[in-house]
Amino acid sequence: MVLGRSAHLPPELLFFPKWFPFNVYDWGCWARQTIVPLTIVCTLRPVRPLLFGVDELRTGTAALRPEAAHAPLWTWAGFFQRTDRVLHAYSRRPLRPLRRGAMRRAAKWILARQEADGCRGGIQPPWVYSLLALHLLGYSLDHPSLRAGLAGLDGFVLCEKTPDG
């Protein structure tokens, strides 16, 4: 696999029934609560400009690395390599009505699993990714779910005072 190419999980995976392989309910609670919001974040791929450069992180070695040959189709590795290629192709040209419906379902799914205190079982990744996903979908910071989530997250932050202030 070429460095920099990531796996893609579309939000449409929420449409898989519980009996279907690789549905979100095959994973642990913490994993699915992380993956579902990540499907939104990775689909929308937000970009924020940096006020500084990161050129030192670019080594140029990725261009020198040849893409790995595909494993035989009848192996699990071959199956997943080809599935990944199909998912990447679909992500470039999704069926728009299906994608919109999947994003709506994912948002409902995320909102339904937030606890009363705004947290996600006290587990940081699903908590942060859920806040990101909902905000990327247009939920304002004043929305009750985001407000509760941010307030709950503040409860986990420790602030130490320095001797000088």
C-alpha atoms as a PDB file:
ATOM      1  CA  MET A   1       0.000   0.000   0.000  1.00  0.00           C
ATOM      2  CA  VAL A   2       1.274   3.461  -0.803  1.00  0.00           C
ATOM      3  CA  LEU A   3       2.074   5.595   2.215  1.00  0.00           C
ATOM      4  CA  GLY A   4      -0.602   8.195   2.805  1.00  0.00           C
ATOM      5  CA  ARG A   5      -3.481   6.164   1.389  1.00  0.00           C
ATOM      6  CA  SER A   6      -5.943   5.426   4.120  1.00  0.00           C
ATOM      7  CA  ALA A   7      -8.743   2.912   4.339  1.00  0.00           C
ATOM      8  CA  HIS A   8     -12.174   4.328   3.717  1.00  0.00           C
ATOM      9  CA  LEU A   9     -15.316   3.464   5.620  1.00  0.00           C
ATOM     10  CA  PRO A  10     -18.348   5.243   4.188  1.00  0.00           C
ATOM     11  CA  PRO A  11     -21.241   6.288   6.413  1.00  0.00           C
ATOM     12  CA  GLU A  12     -23.455   4.033   4.265  1.00  0.00           C
ATOM     13  CA  LEU A  13     -22.225   1.100   6.368  1.00  0.00           C
ATOM     14  CA  LEU A  14     -24.961   2.115   8.829  1.00  0.00           C
ATOM     15  CA  PHE A  15     -27.453   0.722   6.326  1.00  0.00           C
ATOM     16  CA  PHE A  16     -26.051  -2.800   6.740  1.00  0.00           C
ATOM     17  CA  PRO A  17     -28.506  -5.004   8.670  1.00  0.00           C
ATOM     18  CA  LYS A  18     -27.270  -6.629  11.893  1.00  0.00           C
ATOM     19  CA  TRP A  19     -26.895 -10.021  10.198  1.00  0.00           C
ATOM     20  CA  PHE A  20     -24.664  -8.605   7.437  1.00  0.00           C
ATOM     21  CA  PRO A  21     -20.879  -9.098   7.821  1.00  0.00           C
ATOM     22  CA  PHE A  22     -18.982  -5.970   8.947  1.00  0.00           C
ATOM     23  CA  ASN A  23     -22.041  -4.159  10.276  1.00  0.00           C
ATOM     24  CA  VAL A  24     -21.265  -1.711  13.092  1.00  0.00           C
ATOM     25  CA  TYR A  25     -22.837  -4.010  15.690  1.00  0.00           C
ATOM     26  CA  ASP A  26     -20.123  -6.613  15.048  1.00  0.00           C
ATOM     27  CA  TRP A  27     -17.705  -4.259  16.822  1.00  0.00           C
ATOM     28  CA  GLY A  28     -17.385  -3.363  20.475  1.00  0.00           C
ATOM     29  CA  CYS A  29     -19.379  -0.431  21.845  1.00  0.00           C
ATOM     30  CA  TRP A  30     -16.350   1.880  22.080  1.00  0.00           C
ATOM     31  CA  ALA A  31     -15.263   0.936  18.539  1.00  0.00           C
ATOM     32  CA  ARG A  32     -18.606   1.599  16.872  1.00  0.00           C
ATOM     33  CA  GLN A  33     -19.035   4.843  18.807  1.00  0.00           C
ATOM     34  CA  THR A  34     -15.659   5.904  17.381  1.00  0.00           C
ATOM     35  CA  ILE A  35     -16.136   4.554  13.839  1.00  0.00           C
ATOM     36  CA  VAL A  36     -19.589   6.016  13.130  1.00  0.00           C
ATOM     37  CA  PRO A  37     -18.545   9.656  13.700  1.00  0.00           C
ATOM     38  CA  LEU A  38     -15.241   8.975  11.940  1.00  0.00           C
ATOM     39  CA  THR A  39     -17.150   7.921   8.818  1.00  0.00           C
ATOM     40  CA  ILE A  40     -18.525  11.472   8.702  1.00  0.00           C
ATOM     41  CA  VAL A  41     -15.225  13.188   9.503  1.00  0.00           C
ATOM     42  CA  CYS A  42     -13.333  11.089   6.943  1.00  0.00           C
ATOM     43  CA  THR A  43     -16.023  11.617   4.303  1.00  0.00           C
ATOM     44  CA  LEU A  44     -16.140  15.393   4.735  1.00  0.00           C
ATOM     45  CA  ARG A  45     -12.344  15.648   5.241  1.00  0.00           C
ATOM     46  CA  PRO A  46     -12.247  19.085   6.882  1.00  0.00           C
ATOM     47  CA  VAL A  47      -9.185  21.232   6.269  1.00  0.00           C
ATOM     48  CA  ARG A  48      -8.018  24.111   8.410  1.00  0.00           C
ATOM     49  CA  PRO A  49      -5.133  26.371   7.407  1.00  0.00           C
ATOM     50  CA  LEU A  50      -2.069  26.306   9.633  1.00  0.00           C
ATOM     51  CA  LEU A  51      -0.275  29.420  10.743  1.00  0.00           C
ATOM     52  CA  PHE A  52       3.058  27.606  10.422  1.00  0.00           C
ATOM     53  CA  GLY A  53       4.748  25.228   7.981  1.00  0.00           C
ATOM     54  CA  VAL A  54       5.284  21.500   8.372  1.00  0.00           C
ATOM     55  CA  ASP A  55       7.653  20.969   5.440  1.00  0.00           C
ATOM     56  CA  GLU A  56      10.108  19.115   7.691  1.00  0.00           C
ATOM     57  CA  LEU A  57       7.544  16.297   7.906  1.00  0.00           C
ATOM     58  CA  ARG A  58       7.812  15.629   4.177  1.00  0.00           C
ATOM     59  CA  THR A  59      10.621  13.213   3.479  1.00  0.00           C
ATOM     60  CA  GLY A  60       9.877  12.302  -0.124  1.00  0.00           C
ATOM     61  CA  THR A  61      10.289   8.584   0.599  1.00  0.00           C
ATOM     62  CA  ALA A  62       6.647   7.774  -0.183  1.00  0.00           C
ATOM     63  CA  ALA A  63       7.227   8.460  -3.875  1.00  0.00           C
ATOM     64  CA  LEU A  64      10.093   5.952  -3.881  1.00  0.00           C
ATOM     65  CA  ARG A  65       7.994   3.156  -2.422  1.00  0.00           C
ATOM     66  CA  PRO A  66       6.283   1.018  -5.091  1.00  0.00           C
ATOM     67  CA  GLU A  67       2.679   0.015  -4.511  1.00  0.00           C
ATOM     68  CA  ALA A  68       2.451  -3.474  -3.087  1.00  0.00           C
ATOM     69  CA  ALA A  69       1.206  -6.189  -5.415  1.00  0.00           C
ATOM     70  CA  HIS A  70      -2.310  -7.442  -4.759  1.00  0.00           C
ATOM     71  CA  ALA A  71      -2.652 -10.586  -2.756  1.00  0.00           C
ATOM     72  CA  PRO A  72      -4.570 -13.421  -4.427  1.00  0.00           C
ATOM     73  CA  LEU A  73      -8.320 -12.732  -4.508  1.00  0.00           C
ATOM     74  CA  TRP A  74      -9.217 -15.880  -2.571  1.00  0.00           C
ATOM     75  CA  THR A  75      -7.223 -14.691   0.473  1.00  0.00           C
ATOM     76  CA  TRP A  76      -8.546 -12.323   3.132  1.00  0.00           C
ATOM     77  CA  ALA A  77      -5.799  -9.833   2.245  1.00  0.00           C
ATOM     78  CA  GLY A  78      -6.789  -9.942  -1.428  1.00  0.00           C
ATOM     79  CA  PHE A  79     -10.460  -9.539  -0.582  1.00  0.00           C
ATOM     80  CA  PHE A  80      -9.805  -6.513   1.642  1.00  0.00           C
ATOM     81  CA  GLN A  81      -7.412  -4.904  -0.846  1.00  0.00           C
ATOM     82  CA  ARG A  82     -10.033  -5.051  -3.571  1.00  0.00           C
ATOM     83  CA  THR A  83     -12.839  -3.973  -1.247  1.00  0.00           C
ATOM     84  CA  ASP A  84     -10.717  -0.976  -0.261  1.00  0.00           C
ATOM     85  CA  ARG A  85     -10.264  -0.029  -3.928  1.00  0.00           C
ATOM     86  CA  VAL A  86     -14.028  -0.235  -4.508  1.00  0.00           C
ATOM     87  CA  LEU A  87     -14.727   1.890  -1.412  1.00  0.00           C
ATOM     88  CA  HIS A  88     -12.212   4.530  -2.542  1.00  0.00           C
ATOM     89  CA  ALA A  89     -13.816   4.639  -5.990  1.00  0.00           C
ATOM     90  CA  TYR A  90     -17.272   4.951  -4.430  1.00  0.00           C
ATOM     91  CA  SER A  91     -16.090   7.753  -2.120  1.00  0.00           C
ATOM     92  CA  ARG A  92     -15.074   9.801  -5.158  1.00  0.00           C
ATOM     93  CA  ARG A  93     -18.509   9.385  -6.798  1.00  0.00           C
ATOM     94  CA  PRO A  94     -21.094   8.339  -4.193  1.00  0.00           C
ATOM     95  CA  LEU A  95     -24.771   8.006  -4.884  1.00  0.00           C
ATOM     96  CA  ARG A  96     -25.813  11.423  -3.542  1.00  0.00           C
ATOM     97  CA  PRO A  97     -29.262  10.495  -2.133  1.00  0.00           C
ATOM     98  CA  LEU A  98     -27.773   7.426  -0.434  1.00  0.00           C
ATOM     99  CA  ARG A  99     -24.886   9.480   0.985  1.00  0.00           C
ATOM    100  CA  ARG A 100     -27.228  12.193   2.320  1.00  0.00           C
ATOM    101  CA  GLY A 101     -29.432   9.552   3.942  1.00  0.00           C
ATOM    102  CA  ALA A 102     -26.396   7.860   5.480  1.00  0.00           C
ATOM    103  CA  MET A 103     -25.136  11.146   6.914  1.00  0.00           C
ATOM    104  CA  ARG A 104     -28.574  11.862   8.430  1.00  0.00           C
ATOM    105  CA  ARG A 105     -28.743   8.352   9.892  1.00  0.00           C
ATOM    106  CA  ALA A 106     -25.227   8.673  11.305  1.00  0.00           C
ATOM    107  CA  ALA A 107     -26.127  11.999  12.962  1.00  0.00           C
ATOM    108  CA  LYS A 108     -29.261  10.445  14.525  1.00  0.00           C
ATOM    109  CA  TRP A 109     -27.209   7.447  15.628  1.00  0.00           C
ATOM    110  CA  ILE A 110     -24.611   9.706  17.286  1.00  0.00           C
ATOM    111  CA  LEU A 111     -27.217  11.889  18.998  1.00  0.00           C
ATOM    112  CA  ALA A 112     -29.083   8.856  20.354  1.00  0.00           C
ATOM    113  CA  ARG A 113     -25.981   7.522  22.112  1.00  0.00           C
ATOM    114  CA  GLN A 114     -24.920  10.600  24.016  1.00  0.00           C
ATOM    115  CA  GLU A 115     -25.258  10.278  27.767  1.00  0.00           C
ATOM    116  CA  ALA A 116     -27.157  12.813  29.883  1.00  0.00           C
ATOM    117  CA  ASP A 117     -23.932  14.447  31.082  1.00  0.00           C
ATOM    118  CA  GLY A 118     -22.783  14.918  27.471  1.00  0.00           C
ATOM    119  CA  CYS A 119     -20.146  12.208  27.503  1.00  0.00           C
ATOM    120  CA  ARG A 120     -19.695   8.985  25.567  1.00  0.00           C
ATOM    121  CA  GLY A 121     -18.986   6.603  28.412  1.00  0.00           C
ATOM    122  CA  GLY A 122     -16.002   8.712  29.417  1.00  0.00           C
ATOM    123  CA  ILE A 123     -14.118   7.509  26.340  1.00  0.00           C
ATOM    124  CA  GLN A 124     -12.316  10.383  24.646  1.00  0.00           C
ATOM    125  CA  PRO A 125     -12.123   9.313  20.941  1.00  0.00           C
ATOM    126  CA  PRO A 126     -15.861   8.776  20.355  1.00  0.00           C
ATOM    127  CA  TRP A 127     -16.593  11.873  22.400  1.00  0.00           C
ATOM    128  CA  VAL A 128     -14.328  14.157  20.372  1.00  0.00           C
ATOM    129  CA  TYR A 129     -15.162  12.589  16.993  1.00  0.00           C
ATOM    130  CA  SER A 130     -18.892  12.842  17.729  1.00  0.00           C
ATOM    131  CA  LEU A 131     -18.551  16.561  18.466  1.00  0.00           C
ATOM    132  CA  LEU A 132     -16.500  17.042  15.286  1.00  0.00           C
ATOM    133  CA  ALA A 133     -18.932  15.049  13.144  1.00  0.00           C
ATOM    134  CA  LEU A 134     -22.014  16.876  14.357  1.00  0.00           C
ATOM    135  CA  HIS A 135     -20.358  20.269  13.936  1.00  0.00           C
ATOM    136  CA  LEU A 136     -19.230  19.323  10.408  1.00  0.00           C
ATOM    137  CA  LEU A 137     -22.839  18.387   9.618  1.00  0.00           C
ATOM    138  CA  GLY A 138     -23.921  21.907  10.522  1.00  0.00           C
ATOM    139  CA  TYR A 139     -24.938  21.532  14.158  1.00  0.00           C
ATOM    140  CA  SER A 140     -24.097  24.792  15.921  1.00  0.00           C
ATOM    141  CA  LEU A 141     -22.085  24.952  19.116  1.00  0.00           C
ATOM    142  CA  ASP A 142     -25.332  26.113  20.766  1.00  0.00           C
ATOM    143  CA  HIS A 143     -27.107  22.843  19.883  1.00  0.00           C
ATOM    144  CA  PRO A 144     -27.986  21.044  23.157  1.00  0.00           C
ATOM    145  CA  SER A 145     -25.927  17.973  22.251  1.00  0.00           C
ATOM    146  CA  LEU A 146     -22.804  19.920  21.378  1.00  0.00           C
ATOM    147  CA  ARG A 147     -23.203  22.244  24.332  1.00  0.00           C
ATOM    148  CA  ALA A 148     -23.540  19.249  26.704  1.00  0.00           C
ATOM    149  CA  GLY A 149     -20.669  17.421  25.034  1.00  0.00           C
ATOM    150  CA  LEU A 150     -18.320  20.389  25.284  1.00  0.00           C
ATOM    151  CA  ALA A 151     -19.338  21.084  28.891  1.00  0.00           C
ATOM    152  CA  GLY A 152     -18.790  17.448  29.780  1.00  0.00           C
ATOM    153  CA  LEU A 153     -15.402  17.490  28.093  1.00  0.00           C
ATOM    154  CA  ASP A 154     -14.452  20.545  30.139  1.00  0.00           C
ATOM    155  CA  GLY A 155     -15.107  18.448  33.243  1.00  0.00           C
ATOM    156  CA  PHE A 156     -12.291  16.119  32.226  1.00  0.00           C
ATOM    157  CA  VAL A 157      -9.756  18.906  31.703  1.00  0.00           C
ATOM    158  CA  LEU A 158      -7.224  19.482  34.457  1.00  0.00           C
ATOM    159  CA  CYS A 159      -5.799  22.961  34.795  1.00  0.00           C
ATOM    160  CA  GLU A 160      -2.729  23.376  36.918  1.00  0.00           C
ATOM    161  CA  LYS A 161      -1.723  26.762  38.143  1.00  0.00           C
ATOM    162  CA  THR A 162       1.919  27.639  37.740  1.00  0.00           C
ATOM    163  CA  PRO A 163       3.766  29.216  40.667  1.00  0.00           C
ATOM    164  CA  ASP A 164       3.856  32.531  38.802  1.00  0.00           C
ATOM    165  CA  GLY A 165       0.177  32.767  38.112  1.00  0.00           C
END
